[in-house]
Amino acid sequence: MTALVVHSARKIDAAGEVDGFWFAAADGVITEAGTGDGWHAHASALASVIDAHGLHLAPGFIDLHSHGAGGFAFDDGAYAISKALEVHRAHGTTRSVISLVANPVDELCASLEAIADLAVEDELVLGAHLEGPFLAVERKGAHNPDFLIDPSPAAVERLIAAARGTLRQITLAIERENALEALDVFVEAGVQVAVGHTEADYEQARDAFDRGARLLTHAFNAMPGIGHRAPGPVVAALQDPRVTVELILDGVHVAPSVAKLAFAAAPGRIALITDAMAATGSPDGAYKIGSLDVAVVDGVAKLREADGSLGSIAGSTLTLDVALRNAIELVGLPQAEAVAALTTVPARALGLEHRLGLLAPGFAADAVLLDHDWAVRGVWAAGTKLA
């Protein structure tokens, strides 16, 4: 029985833009879609019927890489994760990968177990992303260098086992000792391997992609830049049609002009992420990323050094609706391409493109209603209203 009908929308997804669009959903899945007045046949006393009044309707956003929001960090357990997700869901993110910063392996295993439990209870939680501990100290970013280690076989196996099949992604500095062997193990376990927080050069990155790595963690950040004689891992990723490239489009991490170059170089392969930390949706002030102190000033998060000065960027305070607006207004992307960067592209990176990322029959009833300024006016996930 139809539980949700949304009609009279301007649909925008990777398939294009359509006016007068409607869809009907039951049991969390879109059952039918079309244009015009066909929605009337699916409206009933038991259905929630939403008139979009010509506003934009996009698929629910998918965030591959986020660390918290609302004053809560994903590293702090199930309650903190749930509270942080409330903020992101209000901004259109209907499915989330829960990212963890570097910590001792025992703590990471406990966090992975908590996320595995939460994923059973909440289908909108897609699993976990370990951004640490197998990172380059020289490119540590906002990770505690005391917790950065080589990926020993014992540590790798413990982390995979703790996640119970819910480890979606792992960021690796592929030049670390035993990293390539660990890459093989993660790929065999069905984990998407991302090259990131690395000193790897072009050839090393290309070899990792040939070996099965399929992501680049927040491109341009925490890795060598593009040099005319040393192209580095960014160029290796942009050139490889198998690789999805994460991008933080907050106007701070990557200049819009550089983002435009990336989109042009890798059409259909740029996934917009937030890399959001606890201050997202909260006032400026003092926060933590893992065990490290962070100061947020004018919405920009930076590490607080021991002498009180501010150091490297420490995640973002971005939400995906703002990333979408930035893609359209600052970068100048066509609307359908911008929407794809936070719907179909991340869905495909996770191997979920058959059920997430489009407003079409057979896909999850995840949808975001946005006004003409790209502000969120309604959010539904699996057919249930979130905001």
Protein backbone atom coordinates (compact mmCIF):
# COMPACT_ATOMS: atom_id res chain seq x y z
CA MET A 1 0.00 0.00 0.00
CA THR A 2 1.29 3.41 -0.95
CA ALA A 3 2.63 5.28 2.08
CA LEU A 4 4.15 8.40 0.45
CA VAL A 5 3.34 10.47 -2.62
CA VAL A 6 5.33 13.55 -3.61
CA HIS A 7 4.04 15.49 -6.61
CA SER A 8 4.39 18.70 -8.64
CA ALA A 9 8.18 18.84 -8.23
CA ARG A 10 11.07 19.81 -10.46
CA LYS A 11 13.03 16.58 -10.28
CA ILE A 12 16.81 16.82 -10.51
CA ASP A 13 18.99 13.71 -10.49
CA ALA A 14 21.69 12.11 -12.61
CA ALA A 15 19.06 11.17 -15.20
CA GLY A 16 18.27 14.83 -15.80
CA GLU A 17 15.71 17.48 -14.90
CA VAL A 18 11.93 17.03 -15.21
CA ASP A 19 9.07 19.39 -14.34
CA GLY A 20 5.75 18.21 -12.91
CA PHE A 21 7.43 15.13 -11.46
CA TRP A 22 5.84 12.77 -8.94
CA PHE A 23 6.70 9.52 -7.23
CA ALA A 24 4.82 7.04 -5.08
CA ALA A 25 6.54 4.87 -2.46
CA ALA A 26 5.69 1.88 -0.31
CA ASP A 27 7.79 -0.06 2.19
CA GLY A 28 10.57 2.48 1.81
CA VAL A 29 10.96 2.01 -1.96
CA ILE A 30 9.77 4.08 -4.92
CA THR A 31 7.11 2.00 -6.70
CA GLU A 32 6.09 4.33 -9.50
CA ALA A 33 7.11 7.72 -10.88
CA GLY A 34 5.99 10.00 -13.66
CA THR A 35 4.85 13.47 -14.61
CA GLY A 36 1.50 15.21 -14.59
CA ASP A 37 -1.56 14.01 -12.70
CA GLY A 38 -0.80 10.29 -12.50
CA TRP A 39 -0.04 10.61 -8.81
CA HIS A 40 -3.78 10.87 -8.04
CA ALA A 41 -4.16 7.12 -8.58
CA HIS A 42 -1.75 6.49 -5.70
CA ALA A 43 -3.14 8.95 -3.18
CA SER A 44 -5.26 7.42 -0.46
CA ALA A 45 -6.36 8.15 3.07
CA LEU A 46 -3.37 6.17 4.33
CA ALA A 47 -0.76 7.92 2.18
CA SER A 48 1.19 11.02 3.09
CA VAL A 49 0.69 13.28 0.07
CA ILE A 50 3.21 16.12 -0.40
CA ASP A 51 2.69 18.97 -2.86
CA ALA A 52 6.16 20.20 -3.85
CA HIS A 53 4.77 23.40 -5.43
CA GLY A 54 7.39 23.31 -8.16
CA LEU A 55 10.41 23.19 -5.84
CA HIS A 56 13.51 21.14 -6.60
CA LEU A 57 13.36 17.45 -5.66
CA ALA A 58 16.64 15.53 -5.50
CA PRO A 59 17.55 12.04 -4.29
CA GLY A 60 18.70 11.85 -0.68
CA PHE A 61 22.32 12.86 -0.24
CA ILE A 62 24.97 10.25 0.60
CA ASP A 63 28.00 11.29 2.66
CA LEU A 64 31.01 8.99 2.31
CA HIS A 65 33.10 10.88 4.84
CA SER A 66 31.93 12.69 7.97
CA HIS A 67 33.03 12.77 11.61
CA GLY A 68 30.20 14.44 13.56
CA ALA A 69 27.94 17.47 14.07
CA GLY A 70 25.87 19.27 16.67
CA GLY A 71 28.68 19.15 19.23
CA PHE A 72 28.93 15.34 18.92
CA ALA A 73 31.77 13.28 17.42
CA PHE A 74 31.27 9.92 15.75
CA ASP A 75 34.21 8.53 17.79
CA ASP A 76 32.19 8.84 21.02
CA GLY A 77 29.72 5.98 20.62
CA ALA A 78 26.21 5.21 19.42
CA TYR A 79 24.42 8.06 21.21
CA ALA A 80 26.86 10.67 19.88
CA ILE A 81 26.58 9.23 16.37
CA SER A 82 22.78 9.37 16.46
CA LYS A 83 22.75 12.97 17.70
CA ALA A 84 25.26 14.10 15.09
CA LEU A 85 23.31 12.37 12.33
CA GLU A 86 20.20 14.35 13.27
CA VAL A 87 22.01 17.50 12.13
CA HIS A 88 23.16 16.02 8.84
CA ARG A 89 19.77 14.49 8.09
CA ALA A 90 18.08 17.87 8.56
CA HIS A 91 20.38 19.13 5.81
CA GLY A 92 19.45 16.40 3.32
CA THR A 93 21.94 13.61 4.07
CA THR A 94 19.82 10.47 4.17
CA ARG A 95 22.59 7.86 4.16
CA SER A 96 25.93 8.18 5.97
CA VAL A 97 29.23 6.39 6.28
CA ILE A 98 30.55 6.95 9.82
CA SER A 99 34.18 8.10 9.73
CA LEU A 100 36.59 7.55 12.61
CA VAL A 101 39.85 9.38 13.26
CA ALA A 102 43.05 7.62 14.32
CA ASN A 103 42.93 6.03 17.77
CA PRO A 104 44.54 2.98 19.39
CA VAL A 105 43.42 -0.23 17.72
CA ASP A 106 41.49 -1.35 20.82
CA GLU A 107 39.44 1.86 20.76
CA LEU A 108 38.86 1.62 17.03
CA CYS A 109 37.60 -1.94 17.41
CA ALA A 110 35.14 -0.82 20.07
CA SER A 111 33.93 2.00 17.80
CA LEU A 112 33.55 -0.37 14.86
CA GLU A 113 31.49 -2.76 16.99
CA ALA A 114 29.21 0.11 18.05
CA ILE A 115 28.74 1.19 14.43
CA ALA A 116 27.99 -2.39 13.39
CA ASP A 117 25.29 -2.56 16.06
CA LEU A 118 23.86 0.80 14.97
CA ALA A 119 23.79 -0.24 11.31
CA VAL A 120 21.51 -3.15 12.28
CA GLU A 121 19.10 -0.78 14.01
CA ASP A 122 19.28 2.09 11.50
CA GLU A 123 19.36 1.28 7.79
CA LEU A 124 20.43 4.85 7.03
CA VAL A 125 23.84 4.09 8.59
CA LEU A 126 25.80 2.49 5.76
CA GLY A 127 28.78 1.40 7.83
CA ALA A 128 32.15 2.71 8.92
CA HIS A 129 35.14 4.48 7.42
CA LEU A 130 38.50 4.17 9.14
CA GLU A 131 40.44 7.30 8.25
CA GLY A 132 43.20 6.15 10.58
CA PRO A 133 45.42 4.67 11.92
CA PHE A 134 47.42 3.72 8.79
CA LEU A 135 48.38 7.25 7.75
CA ALA A 136 51.62 9.11 7.02
CA VAL A 137 52.85 11.14 9.97
CA GLU A 138 54.02 13.83 7.54
CA ARG A 139 50.46 14.16 6.23
CA LYS A 140 48.62 13.53 9.49
CA GLY A 141 46.22 16.47 9.25
CA ALA A 142 43.95 16.39 12.29
CA HIS A 143 45.01 12.91 13.44
CA ASN A 144 47.07 12.29 16.57
CA PRO A 145 50.53 11.19 15.37
CA ASP A 146 50.92 9.01 18.47
CA PHE A 147 48.23 6.69 17.07
CA LEU A 148 49.55 6.34 13.51
CA ILE A 149 50.96 2.87 12.81
CA ASP A 150 51.89 0.50 10.01
CA PRO A 151 49.08 -1.85 8.95
CA SER A 152 50.31 -5.07 10.50
CA PRO A 153 48.41 -8.25 9.56
CA ALA A 154 47.18 -8.59 13.17
CA ALA A 155 45.79 -5.04 13.32
CA VAL A 156 44.14 -5.37 9.91
CA GLU A 157 42.42 -8.63 10.80
CA ARG A 158 41.22 -7.29 14.16
CA LEU A 159 39.64 -4.22 12.58
CA ILE A 160 37.91 -6.21 9.85
CA ALA A 161 36.55 -8.69 12.39
CA ALA A 162 35.29 -5.97 14.76
CA ALA A 163 33.25 -4.34 11.98
CA ARG A 164 31.34 -7.57 11.22
CA GLY A 165 30.98 -6.77 7.54
CA THR A 166 30.17 -3.06 7.99
CA LEU A 167 33.61 -1.58 7.27
CA ARG A 168 32.89 0.31 4.04
CA GLN A 169 36.09 2.26 3.55
CA ILE A 170 39.67 2.49 4.81
CA THR A 171 42.11 5.32 4.11
CA LEU A 172 45.69 4.11 3.60
CA ALA A 173 49.02 5.83 3.22
CA ILE A 174 50.09 3.26 0.70
CA GLU A 175 53.81 3.90 1.16
CA ARG A 176 53.77 2.62 4.76
CA GLU A 177 55.35 -0.75 5.51
CA ASN A 178 52.97 -3.63 4.69
CA ALA A 179 50.38 -1.22 3.23
CA LEU A 180 50.10 -2.92 -0.15
CA GLU A 181 49.62 -6.30 1.48
CA ALA A 182 46.97 -4.74 3.72
CA LEU A 183 45.32 -3.24 0.64
CA ASP A 184 44.94 -6.75 -0.78
CA VAL A 185 43.37 -8.01 2.44
CA PHE A 186 40.90 -5.13 2.64
CA VAL A 187 39.88 -5.52 -1.00
CA GLU A 188 39.35 -9.24 -0.47
CA ALA A 189 37.12 -8.39 2.51
CA GLY A 190 34.98 -6.10 0.36
CA VAL A 191 36.31 -2.86 1.87
CA GLN A 192 36.80 0.14 -0.44
CA VAL A 193 40.40 1.27 -0.11
CA ALA A 194 41.12 5.00 -0.37
CA VAL A 195 44.53 6.51 -0.97
CA GLY A 196 44.95 9.41 1.42
CA HIS A 197 46.95 11.16 4.15
CA THR A 198 49.91 10.03 2.12
CA GLU A 199 53.31 10.98 0.74
CA ALA A 200 52.74 8.68 -2.25
CA ASP A 201 53.88 9.85 -5.66
CA TYR A 202 52.11 9.40 -8.99
CA GLU A 203 53.54 5.95 -9.68
CA GLN A 204 52.76 4.62 -6.20
CA ALA A 205 49.19 5.86 -6.37
CA ARG A 206 48.71 4.42 -9.84
CA ASP A 207 50.02 1.06 -8.62
CA ALA A 208 47.61 1.13 -5.69
CA PHE A 209 44.68 1.79 -8.03
CA ASP A 210 45.82 -1.10 -10.24
CA ARG A 211 45.90 -3.24 -7.12
CA GLY A 212 42.29 -2.42 -6.19
CA ALA A 213 42.16 0.94 -4.41
CA ARG A 214 39.14 2.82 -5.74
CA LEU A 215 38.97 6.11 -3.81
CA LEU A 216 41.03 9.21 -3.16
CA THR A 217 40.42 10.69 0.31
CA HIS A 218 39.57 14.44 0.20
CA ALA A 219 41.55 15.27 -2.93
CA PHE A 220 44.33 17.88 -2.67
CA ASN A 221 44.31 17.77 1.15
CA ALA A 222 46.88 15.76 3.15
CA MET A 223 48.80 14.63 0.07
CA PRO A 224 51.39 16.00 -2.38
CA GLY A 225 50.02 18.61 -4.74
CA ILE A 226 50.16 18.63 -8.52
CA GLY A 227 53.63 19.48 -9.78
CA HIS A 228 54.58 19.85 -13.43
CA ARG A 229 57.31 17.24 -12.99
CA ALA A 230 55.74 15.38 -10.06
CA PRO A 231 52.02 14.94 -10.84
CA GLY A 232 51.30 13.13 -7.58
CA PRO A 233 48.32 11.05 -6.44
CA VAL A 234 45.66 13.58 -7.47
CA VAL A 235 46.57 13.29 -11.14
CA ALA A 236 46.75 9.50 -10.86
CA ALA A 237 43.21 9.47 -9.47
CA LEU A 238 41.79 11.97 -11.95
CA GLN A 239 43.19 9.95 -14.85
CA ASP A 240 41.88 6.58 -13.68
CA PRO A 241 38.23 5.93 -14.68
CA ARG A 242 37.91 3.35 -11.89
CA VAL A 243 38.57 5.84 -9.11
CA THR A 244 36.09 8.03 -7.21
CA VAL A 245 37.59 11.30 -6.00
CA GLU A 246 36.36 12.82 -2.73
CA LEU A 247 36.14 16.61 -2.60
CA ILE A 248 35.36 18.98 0.29
CA LEU A 249 33.61 21.90 -1.39
CA ASP A 250 33.38 24.39 1.48
CA GLY A 251 35.44 27.13 -0.17
CA VAL A 252 38.23 26.54 2.37
CA HIS A 253 39.73 23.13 1.63
CA VAL A 254 39.76 23.54 -2.16
CA ALA A 255 39.37 26.73 -4.20
CA PRO A 256 36.29 26.68 -6.47
CA SER A 257 38.50 27.18 -9.53
CA VAL A 258 40.49 24.07 -8.64
CA ALA A 259 37.28 22.14 -7.96
CA LYS A 260 36.08 23.12 -11.44
CA LEU A 261 39.24 21.64 -12.94
CA ALA A 262 38.69 18.40 -11.01
CA PHE A 263 35.09 18.07 -12.19
CA ALA A 264 36.20 18.66 -15.78
CA ALA A 265 39.02 16.11 -15.51
CA ALA A 266 36.89 13.37 -13.90
CA PRO A 267 33.25 13.84 -14.95
CA GLY A 268 30.91 11.60 -13.02
CA ARG A 269 33.62 10.59 -10.54
CA ILE A 270 33.76 13.48 -8.04
CA ALA A 271 31.95 12.68 -4.78
CA LEU A 272 31.21 15.70 -2.63
CA ILE A 273 31.80 14.95 1.06
CA THR A 274 31.57 17.03 4.21
CA ASP A 275 34.47 15.72 6.35
CA ALA A 276 32.33 17.45 8.99
CA MET A 277 33.47 17.53 12.62
CA ALA A 278 31.57 18.11 15.84
CA ALA A 279 31.18 21.88 15.37
CA THR A 280 28.98 21.43 12.30
CA GLY A 281 25.64 23.04 13.01
CA SER A 282 27.02 24.56 16.22
CA PRO A 283 28.59 27.91 17.20
CA ASP A 284 32.27 28.77 16.92
CA GLY A 285 34.36 27.72 19.92
CA ALA A 286 36.52 24.95 21.35
CA TYR A 287 35.99 21.34 20.20
CA LYS A 288 37.82 18.04 19.93
CA ILE A 289 38.77 15.78 17.05
CA GLY A 290 39.64 12.53 18.70
CA SER A 291 42.14 13.50 21.40
CA LEU A 292 43.18 16.77 19.72
CA ASP A 293 41.99 20.28 20.56
CA VAL A 294 40.29 22.26 17.81
CA ALA A 295 39.31 25.92 17.60
CA VAL A 296 36.49 26.93 15.26
CA VAL A 297 36.60 30.57 14.13
CA ASP A 298 34.16 31.90 11.52
CA GLY A 299 33.11 28.34 10.80
CA VAL A 300 36.66 27.17 9.99
CA ALA A 301 38.06 24.39 12.19
CA LYS A 302 41.80 24.35 12.94
CA LEU A 303 43.99 22.42 15.34
CA ARG A 304 44.94 24.25 18.53
CA GLU A 305 48.69 23.81 18.95
CA ALA A 306 50.43 23.46 22.34
CA ASP A 307 51.53 27.10 22.23
CA GLY A 308 47.97 28.26 21.62
CA SER A 309 48.46 29.03 17.93
CA LEU A 310 46.21 27.58 15.23
CA GLY A 311 47.57 24.87 12.99
CA SER A 312 46.22 22.81 10.10
CA ILE A 313 42.59 22.62 9.02
CA ALA A 314 40.78 20.07 11.18
CA GLY A 315 37.83 18.81 9.19
CA SER A 316 34.99 21.10 8.17
CA THR A 317 31.68 22.49 9.38
CA LEU A 318 30.08 21.73 6.02
CA THR A 319 26.72 20.12 5.32
CA LEU A 320 25.91 18.57 1.94
CA ASP A 321 23.16 21.04 1.06
CA VAL A 322 25.75 23.82 1.28
CA ALA A 323 28.17 21.72 -0.80
CA LEU A 324 25.47 21.39 -3.44
CA ARG A 325 24.83 25.13 -3.50
CA ASN A 326 28.57 25.80 -3.73
CA ALA A 327 28.89 23.37 -6.64
CA ILE A 328 26.17 25.20 -8.55
CA GLU A 329 26.86 28.81 -7.57
CA LEU A 330 30.66 28.89 -6.99
CA VAL A 331 31.88 26.20 -9.37
CA GLY A 332 29.17 26.68 -11.99
CA LEU A 333 28.22 23.03 -12.41
CA PRO A 334 25.00 22.09 -14.18
CA GLN A 335 22.39 21.25 -11.56
CA ALA A 336 22.07 17.57 -12.49
CA GLU A 337 25.85 17.09 -12.37
CA ALA A 338 26.06 18.78 -8.98
CA VAL A 339 23.28 16.59 -7.57
CA ALA A 340 24.95 13.47 -8.96
CA ALA A 341 28.12 14.33 -7.01
CA LEU A 342 26.32 13.70 -3.73
CA THR A 343 23.91 10.96 -4.86
CA THR A 344 24.78 8.58 -7.71
CA VAL A 345 28.55 9.04 -7.52
CA PRO A 346 28.91 8.08 -3.84
CA ALA A 347 26.30 5.33 -4.28
CA ARG A 348 28.39 3.82 -7.06
CA ALA A 349 31.57 4.13 -4.99
CA LEU A 350 29.92 1.93 -2.37
CA GLY A 351 28.47 -0.53 -4.86
CA LEU A 352 24.94 0.62 -4.02
CA GLU A 353 24.04 2.32 -7.30
CA HIS A 354 21.29 -0.24 -7.91
CA ARG A 355 19.20 1.04 -5.00
CA LEU A 356 20.43 4.50 -3.98
CA GLY A 357 20.94 7.79 -5.81
CA LEU A 358 18.02 8.11 -8.26
CA LEU A 359 14.37 9.09 -8.04
CA ALA A 360 13.12 6.08 -9.97
CA PRO A 361 11.08 2.90 -9.34
CA GLY A 362 13.05 0.28 -7.44
CA PHE A 363 15.23 2.85 -5.66
CA ALA A 364 15.00 3.79 -2.00
CA ALA A 365 12.44 6.50 -1.28
CA ASP A 366 15.14 8.94 -0.20
CA ALA A 367 14.39 12.49 -1.31
CA VAL A 368 15.29 16.09 -0.51
CA LEU A 369 13.03 19.03 -1.32
CA LEU A 370 14.98 22.26 -1.89
CA ASP A 371 13.83 25.78 -2.60
CA HIS A 372 15.22 27.95 -5.39
CA ASP A 373 18.06 29.09 -3.12
CA TRP A 374 18.98 25.43 -2.45
CA ALA A 375 17.80 25.52 1.16
CA VAL A 376 16.28 22.26 2.42
CA ARG A 377 12.48 22.30 2.80
CA GLY A 378 11.86 18.61 3.43
CA VAL A 379 13.75 15.33 3.79
CA TRP A 380 12.49 11.76 3.47
CA ALA A 381 14.50 8.56 3.92
CA ALA A 382 13.09 5.12 3.13
CA GLY A 383 9.73 6.86 2.75
CA THR A 384 9.76 8.38 6.24
CA LYS A 385 9.93 12.12 6.86
CA LEU A 386 13.12 13.20 8.63
CA ALA A 387 12.82 16.98 8.39
